[in-house]
Amino acid sequence: SELVSNAVRHARRESIRVMVERTAPDRVRVAVSDFSHALPELR
């Protein structure tokens, strides 16, 4: 939800992509891609 919210707020095109992968038996990777080059900042 947080990653999608950031992409919705900062992306430049009309779509985003959400990906969910099991990278190991006990690990899940959640990712959101967008067409903006602005990197998120932890603040």
PDB file of all heavy atoms in Angstrom:
ATOM      1  N   SER A   1       0.839  -1.214   0.000  1.00  0.00           N
ATOM      2  CA  SER A   1       0.000   0.000   0.000  1.00  0.00           C
ATOM      3  C   SER A   1       0.865   1.251   0.000  1.00  0.00           C
ATOM      4  O   SER A   1       0.590   2.211  -0.727  1.00  0.00           O
ATOM      5  CB  SER A   1      -0.919   0.027   1.221  1.00  0.00           C
ATOM      6  OG  SER A   1      -1.911  -0.938   1.109  1.00  0.00           O
ATOM      7  N   GLU A   2       1.894   1.266   0.827  1.00  0.00           N
ATOM      8  CA  GLU A   2       2.792   2.423   0.895  1.00  0.00           C
ATOM      9  C   GLU A   2       3.550   2.613  -0.415  1.00  0.00           C
ATOM     10  O   GLU A   2       3.683   3.733  -0.918  1.00  0.00           O
ATOM     11  CB  GLU A   2       3.770   2.281   2.057  1.00  0.00           C
ATOM     12  CG  GLU A   2       3.121   2.344   3.413  1.00  0.00           C
ATOM     13  CD  GLU A   2       2.414   3.667   3.685  1.00  0.00           C
ATOM     14  OE1 GLU A   2       2.817   4.699   3.113  1.00  0.00           O
ATOM     15  OE2 GLU A   2       1.453   3.668   4.464  1.00  0.00           O
ATOM     16  N   LEU A   3       4.043   1.520  -0.992  1.00  0.00           N
ATOM     17  CA  LEU A   3       4.799   1.622  -2.244  1.00  0.00           C
ATOM     18  C   LEU A   3       3.907   2.087  -3.395  1.00  0.00           C
ATOM     19  O   LEU A   3       4.317   2.913  -4.221  1.00  0.00           O
ATOM     20  CB  LEU A   3       5.464   0.284  -2.575  1.00  0.00           C
ATOM     21  CG  LEU A   3       6.498  -0.231  -1.564  1.00  0.00           C
ATOM     22  CD1 LEU A   3       7.100  -1.538  -2.056  1.00  0.00           C
ATOM     23  CD2 LEU A   3       7.568   0.809  -1.276  1.00  0.00           C
ATOM     24  N   VAL A   4       2.684   1.569  -3.444  1.00  0.00           N
ATOM     25  CA  VAL A   4       1.742   2.004  -4.478  1.00  0.00           C
ATOM     26  C   VAL A   4       1.380   3.475  -4.279  1.00  0.00           C
ATOM     27  O   VAL A   4       1.346   4.248  -5.245  1.00  0.00           O
ATOM     28  CB  VAL A   4       0.477   1.113  -4.500  1.00  0.00           C
ATOM     29  CG1 VAL A   4      -0.632   1.736  -5.335  1.00  0.00           C
ATOM     30  CG2 VAL A   4       0.819  -0.275  -5.031  1.00  0.00           C
ATOM     31  N   SER A   5       1.142   3.880  -3.049  1.00  0.00           N
ATOM     32  CA  SER A   5       0.805   5.284  -2.783  1.00  0.00           C
ATOM     33  C   SER A   5       1.903   6.220  -3.264  1.00  0.00           C
ATOM     34  O   SER A   5       1.629   7.261  -3.880  1.00  0.00           O
ATOM     35  CB  SER A   5       0.572   5.506  -1.286  1.00  0.00           C
ATOM     36  OG  SER A   5      -0.578   4.844  -0.877  1.00  0.00           O
ATOM     37  N   ASN A   6       3.152   5.852  -3.002  1.00  0.00           N
ATOM     38  CA  ASN A   6       4.270   6.678  -3.477  1.00  0.00           C
ATOM     39  C   ASN A   6       4.329   6.725  -4.997  1.00  0.00           C
ATOM     40  O   ASN A   6       4.557   7.778  -5.583  1.00  0.00           O
ATOM     41  CB  ASN A   6       5.598   6.160  -2.920  1.00  0.00           C
ATOM     42  CG  ASN A   6       5.802   6.545  -1.476  1.00  0.00           C
ATOM     43  OD1 ASN A   6       5.134   7.415  -0.949  1.00  0.00           O
ATOM     44  ND2 ASN A   6       6.729   5.864  -0.825  1.00  0.00           N
ATOM     45  N   ALA A   7       4.122   5.577  -5.626  1.00  0.00           N
ATOM     46  CA  ALA A   7       4.158   5.545  -7.094  1.00  0.00           C
ATOM     47  C   ALA A   7       3.019   6.365  -7.688  1.00  0.00           C
ATOM     48  O   ALA A   7       3.212   7.088  -8.670  1.00  0.00           O
ATOM     49  CB  ALA A   7       4.091   4.097  -7.586  1.00  0.00           C
ATOM     50  N   VAL A   8       1.844   6.269  -7.101  1.00  0.00           N
ATOM     51  CA  VAL A   8       0.700   7.049  -7.590  1.00  0.00           C
ATOM     52  C   VAL A   8       0.994   8.539  -7.470  1.00  0.00           C
ATOM     53  O   VAL A   8       0.718   9.326  -8.372  1.00  0.00           O
ATOM     54  CB  VAL A   8      -0.589   6.661  -6.823  1.00  0.00           C
ATOM     55  CG1 VAL A   8      -1.701   7.665  -7.051  1.00  0.00           C
ATOM     56  CG2 VAL A   8      -1.041   5.262  -7.224  1.00  0.00           C
ATOM     57  N   ARG A   9       1.598   8.930  -6.378  1.00  0.00           N
ATOM     58  CA  ARG A   9       1.883  10.344  -6.121  1.00  0.00           C
ATOM     59  C   ARG A   9       2.994  10.889  -7.024  1.00  0.00           C
ATOM     60  O   ARG A   9       2.930  12.015  -7.488  1.00  0.00           O
ATOM     61  CB  ARG A   9       2.282  10.521  -4.658  1.00  0.00           C
ATOM     62  CG  ARG A   9       2.434  11.956  -4.218  1.00  0.00           C
ATOM     63  CD  ARG A   9       2.714  12.082  -2.725  1.00  0.00           C
ATOM     64  NE  ARG A   9       1.642  11.487  -1.927  1.00  0.00           N
ATOM     65  CZ  ARG A   9       1.785  10.401  -1.152  1.00  0.00           C
ATOM     66  NH1 ARG A   9       2.934   9.799  -1.051  1.00  0.00           N
ATOM     67  NH2 ARG A   9       0.758   9.928  -0.472  1.00  0.00           N
ATOM     68  N   HIS A  10       4.024  10.077  -7.314  1.00  0.00           N
ATOM     69  CA  HIS A  10       5.217  10.612  -7.967  1.00  0.00           C
ATOM     70  C   HIS A  10       5.469  10.151  -9.396  1.00  0.00           C
ATOM     71  O   HIS A  10       6.313  10.721 -10.066  1.00  0.00           O
ATOM     72  CB  HIS A  10       6.447  10.274  -7.123  1.00  0.00           C
ATOM     73  CG  HIS A  10       6.373  10.851  -5.748  1.00  0.00           C
ATOM     74  ND1 HIS A  10       6.433  12.197  -5.507  1.00  0.00           N
ATOM     75  CD2 HIS A  10       6.212  10.251  -4.540  1.00  0.00           C
ATOM     76  CE1 HIS A  10       6.328  12.414  -4.204  1.00  0.00           C
ATOM     77  NE2 HIS A  10       6.181  11.255  -3.599  1.00  0.00           N
ATOM     78  N   ALA A  11       4.770   9.133  -9.858  1.00  0.00           N
ATOM     79  CA  ALA A  11       5.030   8.609 -11.205  1.00  0.00           C
ATOM     80  C   ALA A  11       4.573   9.588 -12.275  1.00  0.00           C
ATOM     81  O   ALA A  11       3.836  10.534 -12.003  1.00  0.00           O
ATOM     82  CB  ALA A  11       4.336   7.261 -11.390  1.00  0.00           C
ATOM     83  N   ARG A  12       4.993   9.342 -13.493  1.00  0.00           N
ATOM     84  CA  ARG A  12       4.714  10.262 -14.586  1.00  0.00           C
ATOM     85  C   ARG A  12       3.787   9.712 -15.661  1.00  0.00           C
ATOM     86  O   ARG A  12       3.296  10.443 -16.480  1.00  0.00           O
ATOM     87  CB  ARG A  12       6.032  10.685 -15.258  1.00  0.00           C
ATOM     88  CG  ARG A  12       6.965  11.405 -14.319  1.00  0.00           C
ATOM     89  CD  ARG A  12       6.410  12.779 -13.999  1.00  0.00           C
ATOM     90  NE  ARG A  12       7.236  13.445 -13.014  1.00  0.00           N
ATOM     91  CZ  ARG A  12       6.822  13.777 -11.804  1.00  0.00           C
ATOM     92  NH1 ARG A  12       5.613  13.500 -11.415  1.00  0.00           N
ATOM     93  NH2 ARG A  12       7.624  14.386 -10.983  1.00  0.00           N
ATOM     94  N   ARG A  13       3.577   8.430 -15.697  1.00  0.00           N
ATOM     95  CA  ARG A  13       2.708   7.840 -16.714  1.00  0.00           C
ATOM     96  C   ARG A  13       1.456   7.297 -16.071  1.00  0.00           C
ATOM     97  O   ARG A  13       1.264   7.367 -14.872  1.00  0.00           O
ATOM     98  CB  ARG A  13       3.456   6.751 -17.468  1.00  0.00           C
ATOM     99  CG  ARG A  13       4.609   7.339 -18.274  1.00  0.00           C
ATOM    100  CD  ARG A  13       4.928   6.490 -19.446  1.00  0.00           C
ATOM    101  NE  ARG A  13       6.099   7.018 -20.129  1.00  0.00           N
ATOM    102  CZ  ARG A  13       6.990   6.270 -20.728  1.00  0.00           C
ATOM    103  NH1 ARG A  13       6.856   4.967 -20.733  1.00  0.00           N
ATOM    104  NH2 ARG A  13       8.013   6.823 -21.333  1.00  0.00           N
ATOM    105  N   GLU A  14       0.611   6.686 -16.864  1.00  0.00           N
ATOM    106  CA  GLU A  14      -0.716   6.273 -16.404  1.00  0.00           C
ATOM    107  C   GLU A  14      -0.765   4.909 -15.725  1.00  0.00           C
ATOM    108  O   GLU A  14      -1.816   4.509 -15.251  1.00  0.00           O
ATOM    109  CB  GLU A  14      -1.699   6.296 -17.581  1.00  0.00           C
ATOM    110  CG  GLU A  14      -1.897   7.682 -18.156  1.00  0.00           C
ATOM    111  CD  GLU A  14      -2.317   8.701 -17.102  1.00  0.00           C
ATOM    112  OE1 GLU A  14      -3.224   8.403 -16.298  1.00  0.00           O
ATOM    113  OE2 GLU A  14      -1.709   9.790 -17.050  1.00  0.00           O
ATOM    114  N   SER A  15       0.366   4.195 -15.679  1.00  0.00           N
ATOM    115  CA  SER A  15       0.313   2.869 -15.066  1.00  0.00           C
ATOM    116  C   SER A  15       1.527   2.641 -14.174  1.00  0.00           C
ATOM    117  O   SER A  15       2.551   3.297 -14.301  1.00  0.00           O
ATOM    118  CB  SER A  15       0.237   1.773 -16.138  1.00  0.00           C
ATOM    119  OG  SER A  15       1.415   1.752 -16.905  1.00  0.00           O
ATOM    120  N   ILE A  16       1.357   1.664 -13.272  1.00  0.00           N
ATOM    121  CA  ILE A  16       2.429   1.176 -12.416  1.00  0.00           C
ATOM    122  C   ILE A  16       2.386  -0.341 -12.489  1.00  0.00           C
ATOM    123  O   ILE A  16       1.402  -0.914 -12.956  1.00  0.00           O
ATOM    124  CB  ILE A  16       2.265   1.657 -10.953  1.00  0.00           C
ATOM    125  CG1 ILE A  16       0.937   1.166 -10.370  1.00  0.00           C
ATOM    126  CG2 ILE A  16       2.364   3.176 -10.876  1.00  0.00           C
ATOM    127  CD1 ILE A  16       0.767   1.436  -8.889  1.00  0.00           C
ATOM    128  N   ARG A  17       3.432  -1.002 -12.031  1.00  0.00           N
ATOM    129  CA  ARG A  17       3.444  -2.465 -12.020  1.00  0.00           C
ATOM    130  C   ARG A  17       3.783  -2.938 -10.618  1.00  0.00           C
ATOM    131  O   ARG A  17       4.734  -2.461 -10.010  1.00  0.00           O
ATOM    132  CB  ARG A  17       4.452  -3.007 -13.023  1.00  0.00           C
ATOM    133  CG  ARG A  17       4.405  -4.511 -13.155  1.00  0.00           C
ATOM    134  CD  ARG A  17       4.480  -4.905 -14.621  1.00  0.00           C
ATOM    135  NE  ARG A  17       4.320  -6.326 -14.797  1.00  0.00           N
ATOM    136  CZ  ARG A  17       3.196  -6.904 -15.179  1.00  0.00           C
ATOM    137  NH1 ARG A  17       2.127  -6.188 -15.409  1.00  0.00           N
ATOM    138  NH2 ARG A  17       3.133  -8.196 -15.342  1.00  0.00           N
ATOM    139  N   VAL A  18       2.999  -3.887 -10.132  1.00  0.00           N
ATOM    140  CA  VAL A  18       3.213  -4.488  -8.815  1.00  0.00           C
ATOM    141  C   VAL A  18       3.702  -5.913  -9.038  1.00  0.00           C
ATOM    142  O   VAL A  18       3.135  -6.649  -9.847  1.00  0.00           O
ATOM    143  CB  VAL A  18       1.905  -4.492  -7.996  1.00  0.00           C
ATOM    144  CG1 VAL A  18       2.093  -5.215  -6.673  1.00  0.00           C
ATOM    145  CG2 VAL A  18       1.404  -3.079  -7.783  1.00  0.00           C
ATOM    146  N   MET A  19       4.757  -6.282  -8.311  1.00  0.00           N
ATOM    147  CA  MET A  19       5.325  -7.623  -8.428  1.00  0.00           C
ATOM    148  C   MET A  19       5.488  -8.229  -7.042  1.00  0.00           C
ATOM    149  O   MET A  19       5.882  -7.533  -6.104  1.00  0.00           O
ATOM    150  CB  MET A  19       6.681  -7.564  -9.128  1.00  0.00           C
ATOM    151  CG  MET A  19       6.561  -7.060 -10.564  1.00  0.00           C
ATOM    152  SD  MET A  19       7.982  -6.090 -11.120  1.00  0.00           S
ATOM    153  CE  MET A  19       7.845  -4.621 -10.139  1.00  0.00           C
ATOM    154  N   VAL A  20       5.189  -9.510  -6.924  1.00  0.00           N
ATOM    155  CA  VAL A  20       5.356 -10.242  -5.673  1.00  0.00           C
ATOM    156  C   VAL A  20       6.096 -11.525  -6.022  1.00  0.00           C
ATOM    157  O   VAL A  20       5.642 -12.298  -6.859  1.00  0.00           O
ATOM    158  CB  VAL A  20       3.996 -10.578  -5.018  1.00  0.00           C
ATOM    159  CG1 VAL A  20       4.210 -11.199  -3.641  1.00  0.00           C
ATOM    160  CG2 VAL A  20       3.111  -9.353  -4.929  1.00  0.00           C
ATOM    161  N   GLU A  21       7.238 -11.730  -5.373  1.00  0.00           N
ATOM    162  CA  GLU A  21       8.051 -12.909  -5.647  1.00  0.00           C
ATOM    163  C   GLU A  21       8.428 -13.594  -4.343  1.00  0.00           C
ATOM    164  O   GLU A  21       8.606 -12.934  -3.324  1.00  0.00           O
ATOM    165  CB  GLU A  21       9.354 -12.522  -6.340  1.00  0.00           C
ATOM    166  CG  GLU A  21       9.189 -11.873  -7.687  1.00  0.00           C
ATOM    167  CD  GLU A  21      10.534 -11.452  -8.230  1.00  0.00           C
ATOM    168  OE1 GLU A  21      11.039 -10.407  -7.792  1.00  0.00           O
ATOM    169  OE2 GLU A  21      11.078 -12.192  -9.071  1.00  0.00           O
ATOM    170  N   ARG A  22       8.577 -14.877  -4.430  1.00  0.00           N
ATOM    171  CA  ARG A  22       9.111 -15.637  -3.304  1.00  0.00           C
ATOM    172  C   ARG A  22      10.573 -15.875  -3.624  1.00  0.00           C
ATOM    173  O   ARG A  22      10.918 -16.741  -4.412  1.00  0.00           O
ATOM    174  CB  ARG A  22       8.345 -16.941  -3.135  1.00  0.00           C
ATOM    175  CG  ARG A  22       8.719 -17.683  -1.883  1.00  0.00           C
ATOM    176  CD  ARG A  22       7.825 -18.881  -1.716  1.00  0.00           C
ATOM    177  NE  ARG A  22       8.069 -19.531  -0.440  1.00  0.00           N
ATOM    178  CZ  ARG A  22       7.465 -20.640  -0.084  1.00  0.00           C
ATOM    179  NH1 ARG A  22       6.587 -21.220  -0.904  1.00  0.00           N
ATOM    180  NH2 ARG A  22       7.731 -21.184   1.081  1.00  0.00           N
ATOM    181  N   THR A  23      11.445 -15.093  -3.008  1.00  0.00           N
ATOM    182  CA  THR A  23      12.869 -15.149  -3.343  1.00  0.00           C
ATOM    183  C   THR A  23      13.603 -16.262  -2.606  1.00  0.00           C
ATOM    184  O   THR A  23      14.721 -16.615  -2.987  1.00  0.00           O
ATOM    185  CB  THR A  23      13.540 -13.797  -3.052  1.00  0.00           C
ATOM    186  OG1 THR A  23      13.341 -13.467  -1.674  1.00  0.00           O
ATOM    187  CG2 THR A  23      12.962 -12.703  -3.935  1.00  0.00           C
ATOM    188  N   ALA A  24      13.005 -16.784  -1.570  1.00  0.00           N
ATOM    189  CA  ALA A  24      13.540 -17.910  -0.803  1.00  0.00           C
ATOM    190  C   ALA A  24      12.343 -18.555  -0.107  1.00  0.00           C
ATOM    191  O   ALA A  24      11.268 -17.953  -0.049  1.00  0.00           O
ATOM    192  CB  ALA A  24      14.579 -17.416   0.218  1.00  0.00           C
ATOM    193  N   PRO A  25      12.504 -19.744   0.429  1.00  0.00           N
ATOM    194  CA  PRO A  25      11.354 -20.386   1.079  1.00  0.00           C
ATOM    195  C   PRO A  25      10.692 -19.535   2.160  1.00  0.00           C
ATOM    196  O   PRO A  25       9.490 -19.657   2.386  1.00  0.00           O
ATOM    197  CB  PRO A  25      11.957 -21.668   1.671  1.00  0.00           C
ATOM    198  CG  PRO A  25      13.106 -21.982   0.765  1.00  0.00           C
ATOM    199  CD  PRO A  25      13.672 -20.631   0.380  1.00  0.00           C
ATOM    200  N   ASP A  26      11.462 -18.660   2.811  1.00  0.00           N
ATOM    201  CA  ASP A  26      10.897 -17.853   3.896  1.00  0.00           C
ATOM    202  C   ASP A  26      10.960 -16.351   3.611  1.00  0.00           C
ATOM    203  O   ASP A  26      10.888 -15.545   4.520  1.00  0.00           O
ATOM    204  CB  ASP A  26      11.629 -18.155   5.205  1.00  0.00           C
ATOM    205  CG  ASP A  26      13.098 -17.750   5.149  1.00  0.00           C
ATOM    206  OD1 ASP A  26      13.637 -17.564   4.034  1.00  0.00           O
ATOM    207  OD2 ASP A  26      13.709 -17.618   6.223  1.00  0.00           O
ATOM    208  N   ARG A  27      11.079 -15.962   2.328  1.00  0.00           N
ATOM    209  CA  ARG A  27      11.182 -14.540   1.990  1.00  0.00           C
ATOM    210  C   ARG A  27      10.266 -14.182   0.831  1.00  0.00           C
ATOM    211  O   ARG A  27      10.178 -14.894  -0.154  1.00  0.00           O
ATOM    212  CB  ARG A  27      12.601 -14.199   1.567  1.00  0.00           C
ATOM    213  CG  ARG A  27      13.435 -13.640   2.722  1.00  0.00           C
ATOM    214  CD  ARG A  27      14.732 -13.199   2.168  1.00  0.00           C
ATOM    215  NE  ARG A  27      15.490 -12.067   2.467  1.00  0.00           N
ATOM    216  CZ  ARG A  27      15.686 -11.426   3.579  1.00  0.00           C
ATOM    217  NH1 ARG A  27      15.040 -11.737   4.630  1.00  0.00           N
ATOM    218  NH2 ARG A  27      16.512 -10.439   3.679  1.00  0.00           N
ATOM    219  N   VAL A  28       9.575 -13.055   0.989  1.00  0.00           N
ATOM    220  CA  VAL A  28       8.685 -12.532  -0.040  1.00  0.00           C
ATOM    221  C   VAL A  28       9.167 -11.132  -0.405  1.00  0.00           C
ATOM    222  O   VAL A  28       9.408 -10.311   0.483  1.00  0.00           O
ATOM    223  CB  VAL A  28       7.225 -12.459   0.467  1.00  0.00           C
ATOM    224  CG1 VAL A  28       6.318 -11.796  -0.557  1.00  0.00           C
ATOM    225  CG2 VAL A  28       6.719 -13.858   0.807  1.00  0.00           C
ATOM    226  N   ARG A  29       9.339 -10.896  -1.689  1.00  0.00           N
ATOM    227  CA  ARG A  29       9.722  -9.563  -2.173  1.00  0.00           C
ATOM    228  C   ARG A  29       8.510  -8.920  -2.826  1.00  0.00           C
ATOM    229  O   ARG A  29       7.896  -9.484  -3.729  1.00  0.00           O
ATOM    230  CB  ARG A  29      10.853  -9.637  -3.179  1.00  0.00           C
ATOM    231  CG  ARG A  29      11.227  -8.247  -3.720  1.00  0.00           C
ATOM    232  CD  ARG A  29      12.373  -8.309  -4.689  1.00  0.00           C
ATOM    233  NE  ARG A  29      13.586  -8.490  -3.930  1.00  0.00           N
ATOM    234  CZ  ARG A  29      14.751  -7.973  -4.268  1.00  0.00           C
ATOM    235  NH1 ARG A  29      14.868  -7.252  -5.358  1.00  0.00           N
ATOM    236  NH2 ARG A  29      15.818  -8.186  -3.529  1.00  0.00           N
ATOM    237  N   VAL A  30       8.169  -7.737  -2.351  1.00  0.00           N
ATOM    238  CA  VAL A  30       7.085  -6.928  -2.903  1.00  0.00           C
ATOM    239  C   VAL A  30       7.755  -5.747  -3.597  1.00  0.00           C
ATOM    240  O   VAL A  30       8.623  -5.104  -3.015  1.00  0.00           O
ATOM    241  CB  VAL A  30       6.155  -6.436  -1.774  1.00  0.00           C
ATOM    242  CG1 VAL A  30       5.083  -5.524  -2.323  1.00  0.00           C
ATOM    243  CG2 VAL A  30       5.546  -7.606  -1.035  1.00  0.00           C
ATOM    244  N   ALA A  31       7.368  -5.476  -4.840  1.00  0.00           N
ATOM    245  CA  ALA A  31       7.999  -4.385  -5.584  1.00  0.00           C
ATOM    246  C   ALA A  31       6.961  -3.637  -6.400  1.00  0.00           C
ATOM    247  O   ALA A  31       5.969  -4.212  -6.838  1.00  0.00           O
ATOM    248  CB  ALA A  31       9.085  -4.937  -6.504  1.00  0.00           C
ATOM    249  N   VAL A  32       7.225  -2.348  -6.599  1.00  0.00           N
ATOM    250  CA  VAL A  32       6.375  -1.510  -7.437  1.00  0.00           C
ATOM    251  C   VAL A  32       7.288  -0.744  -8.372  1.00  0.00           C
ATOM    252  O   VAL A  32       8.251  -0.104  -7.943  1.00  0.00           O
ATOM    253  CB  VAL A  32       5.524  -0.536  -6.596  1.00  0.00           C
ATOM    254  CG1 VAL A  32       4.725   0.392  -7.498  1.00  0.00           C
ATOM    255  CG2 VAL A  32       4.590  -1.311  -5.670  1.00  0.00           C
ATOM    256  N   SER A  33       6.995  -0.828  -9.666  1.00  0.00           N
ATOM    257  CA  SER A  33       7.782  -0.072 -10.642  1.00  0.00           C
ATOM    258  C   SER A  33       6.930   1.047 -11.225  1.00  0.00           C
ATOM    259  O   SER A  33       5.709   0.931 -11.334  1.00  0.00           O
ATOM    260  CB  SER A  33       8.291  -0.989 -11.764  1.00  0.00           C
ATOM    261  OG  SER A  33       7.230  -1.534 -12.497  1.00  0.00           O
ATOM    262  N   ASP A  34       7.619   2.146 -11.545  1.00  0.00           N
ATOM    263  CA  ASP A  34       6.946   3.272 -12.190  1.00  0.00           C
ATOM    264  C   ASP A  34       7.930   3.965 -13.121  1.00  0.00           C
ATOM    265  O   ASP A  34       9.110   3.626 -13.160  1.00  0.00           O
ATOM    266  CB  ASP A  34       6.341   4.235 -11.158  1.00  0.00           C
ATOM    267  CG  ASP A  34       7.380   4.929 -10.301  1.00  0.00           C
ATOM    268  OD1 ASP A  34       8.233   5.644 -10.857  1.00  0.00           O
ATOM    269  OD2 ASP A  34       7.332   4.773  -9.072  1.00  0.00           O
ATOM    270  N   PHE A  35       7.435   4.920 -13.849  1.00  0.00           N
ATOM    271  CA  PHE A  35       8.229   5.566 -14.884  1.00  0.00           C
ATOM    272  C   PHE A  35       8.871   6.879 -14.430  1.00  0.00           C
ATOM    273  O   PHE A  35       9.253   7.699 -15.249  1.00  0.00           O
ATOM    274  CB  PHE A  35       7.365   5.809 -16.128  1.00  0.00           C
ATOM    275  CG  PHE A  35       6.967   4.529 -16.801  1.00  0.00           C
ATOM    276  CD1 PHE A  35       5.719   3.975 -16.575  1.00  0.00           C
ATOM    277  CD2 PHE A  35       7.846   3.852 -17.628  1.00  0.00           C
ATOM    278  CE1 PHE A  35       5.338   2.790 -17.177  1.00  0.00           C
ATOM    279  CE2 PHE A  35       7.485   2.667 -18.225  1.00  0.00           C
ATOM    280  CZ  PHE A  35       6.223   2.131 -18.005  1.00  0.00           C
ATOM    281  N   SER A  36       9.009   7.066 -13.135  1.00  0.00           N
ATOM    282  CA  SER A  36       9.665   8.258 -12.599  1.00  0.00           C
ATOM    283  C   SER A  36      11.091   7.907 -12.200  1.00  0.00           C
ATOM    284  O   SER A  36      11.353   6.823 -11.685  1.00  0.00           O
ATOM    285  CB  SER A  36       8.899   8.775 -11.381  1.00  0.00           C
ATOM    286  OG  SER A  36       9.643   9.771 -10.724  1.00  0.00           O
ATOM    287  N   HIS A  37      12.001   8.835 -12.398  1.00  0.00           N
ATOM    288  CA  HIS A  37      13.386   8.638 -11.968  1.00  0.00           C
ATOM    289  C   HIS A  37      13.629   9.196 -10.573  1.00  0.00           C
ATOM    290  O   HIS A  37      14.719   9.034 -10.027  1.00  0.00           O
ATOM    291  CB  HIS A  37      14.342   9.292 -12.968  1.00  0.00           C
ATOM    292  CG  HIS A  37      14.377   8.582 -14.280  1.00  0.00           C
ATOM    293  ND1 HIS A  37      15.040   7.398 -14.471  1.00  0.00           N
ATOM    294  CD2 HIS A  37      13.788   8.860 -15.461  1.00  0.00           C
ATOM    295  CE1 HIS A  37      14.875   6.988 -15.716  1.00  0.00           C
ATOM    296  NE2 HIS A  37      14.113   7.853 -16.340  1.00  0.00           N
ATOM    297  N   ALA A  38      12.639   9.837  -9.975  1.00  0.00           N
ATOM    298  CA  ALA A  38      12.788  10.390  -8.632  1.00  0.00           C
ATOM    299  C   ALA A  38      12.812   9.242  -7.625  1.00  0.00           C
ATOM    300  O   ALA A  38      11.859   8.469  -7.533  1.00  0.00           O
ATOM    301  CB  ALA A  38      11.638  11.340  -8.321  1.00  0.00           C
ATOM    302  N   LEU A  39      13.904   9.124  -6.891  1.00  0.00           N
ATOM    303  CA  LEU A  39      14.048   8.038  -5.922  1.00  0.00           C
ATOM    304  C   LEU A  39      13.401   8.411  -4.595  1.00  0.00           C
ATOM    305  O   LEU A  39      13.442   9.569  -4.183  1.00  0.00           O
ATOM    306  CB  LEU A  39      15.528   7.728  -5.704  1.00  0.00           C
ATOM    307  CG  LEU A  39      16.288   7.262  -6.942  1.00  0.00           C
ATOM    308  CD1 LEU A  39      17.750   7.031  -6.600  1.00  0.00           C
ATOM    309  CD2 LEU A  39      15.670   6.009  -7.532  1.00  0.00           C
ATOM    310  N   PRO A  40      12.817   7.433  -3.922  1.00  0.00           N
ATOM    311  CA  PRO A  40      12.187   7.723  -2.633  1.00  0.00           C
ATOM    312  C   PRO A  40      13.254   8.047  -1.590  1.00  0.00           C
ATOM    313  O   PRO A  40      14.381   7.553  -1.656  1.00  0.00           O
ATOM    314  CB  PRO A  40      11.464   6.424  -2.289  1.00  0.00           C
ATOM    315  CG  PRO A  40      12.203   5.369  -3.035  1.00  0.00           C
ATOM    316  CD  PRO A  40      12.715   6.026  -4.290  1.00  0.00           C
ATOM    317  N   GLU A  41      12.882   8.881  -0.635  1.00  0.00           N
ATOM    318  CA  GLU A  41      13.804   9.268   0.432  1.00  0.00           C
ATOM    319  C   GLU A  41      13.181   8.959   1.783  1.00  0.00           C
ATOM    320  O   GLU A  41      12.060   9.373   2.068  1.00  0.00           O
ATOM    321  CB  GLU A  41      14.095  10.764   0.363  1.00  0.00           C
ATOM    322  CG  GLU A  41      14.852  11.189  -0.865  1.00  0.00           C
ATOM    323  CD  GLU A  41      15.118  12.683  -0.883  1.00  0.00           C
ATOM    324  OE1 GLU A  41      15.297  13.277   0.205  1.00  0.00           O
ATOM    325  OE2 GLU A  41      15.146  13.251  -1.974  1.00  0.00           O
ATOM    326  N   LEU A  42      13.926   8.235   2.593  1.00  0.00           N
ATOM    327  CA  LEU A  42      13.509   7.979   3.961  1.00  0.00           C
ATOM    328  C   LEU A  42      13.756   9.258   4.750  1.00  0.00           C
ATOM    329  O   LEU A  42      14.852   9.798   4.732  1.00  0.00           O
ATOM    330  CB  LEU A  42      14.331   6.830   4.540  1.00  0.00           C
ATOM    331  CG  LEU A  42      13.967   6.344   5.934  1.00  0.00           C
ATOM    332  CD1 LEU A  42      12.541   5.833   5.977  1.00  0.00           C
ATOM    333  CD2 LEU A  42      14.923   5.242   6.347  1.00  0.00           C
ATOM    334  N   ARG A  43      12.710   9.773   5.376  1.00  0.00           N
ATOM    335  CA  ARG A  43      12.872  11.019   6.113  1.00  0.00           C
ATOM    336  C   ARG A  43      12.081  10.965   7.406  1.00  0.00           C
ATOM    337  O   ARG A  43      11.253  10.086   7.609  1.00  0.00           O
ATOM    338  CB  ARG A  43      12.449  12.217   5.265  1.00  0.00           C
ATOM    339  CG  ARG A  43      10.995  12.231   4.852  1.00  0.00           C
ATOM    340  CD  ARG A  43      10.710  13.377   3.876  1.00  0.00           C
ATOM    341  NE  ARG A  43       9.310  13.682   3.788  1.00  0.00           N
ATOM    342  CZ  ARG A  43       8.650  14.543   4.556  1.00  0.00           C
ATOM    343  NH1 ARG A  43       9.279  15.213   5.484  1.00  0.00           N
ATOM    344  NH2 ARG A  43       7.367  14.758   4.391  1.00  0.00           N
TER     345      ARG A  43
END
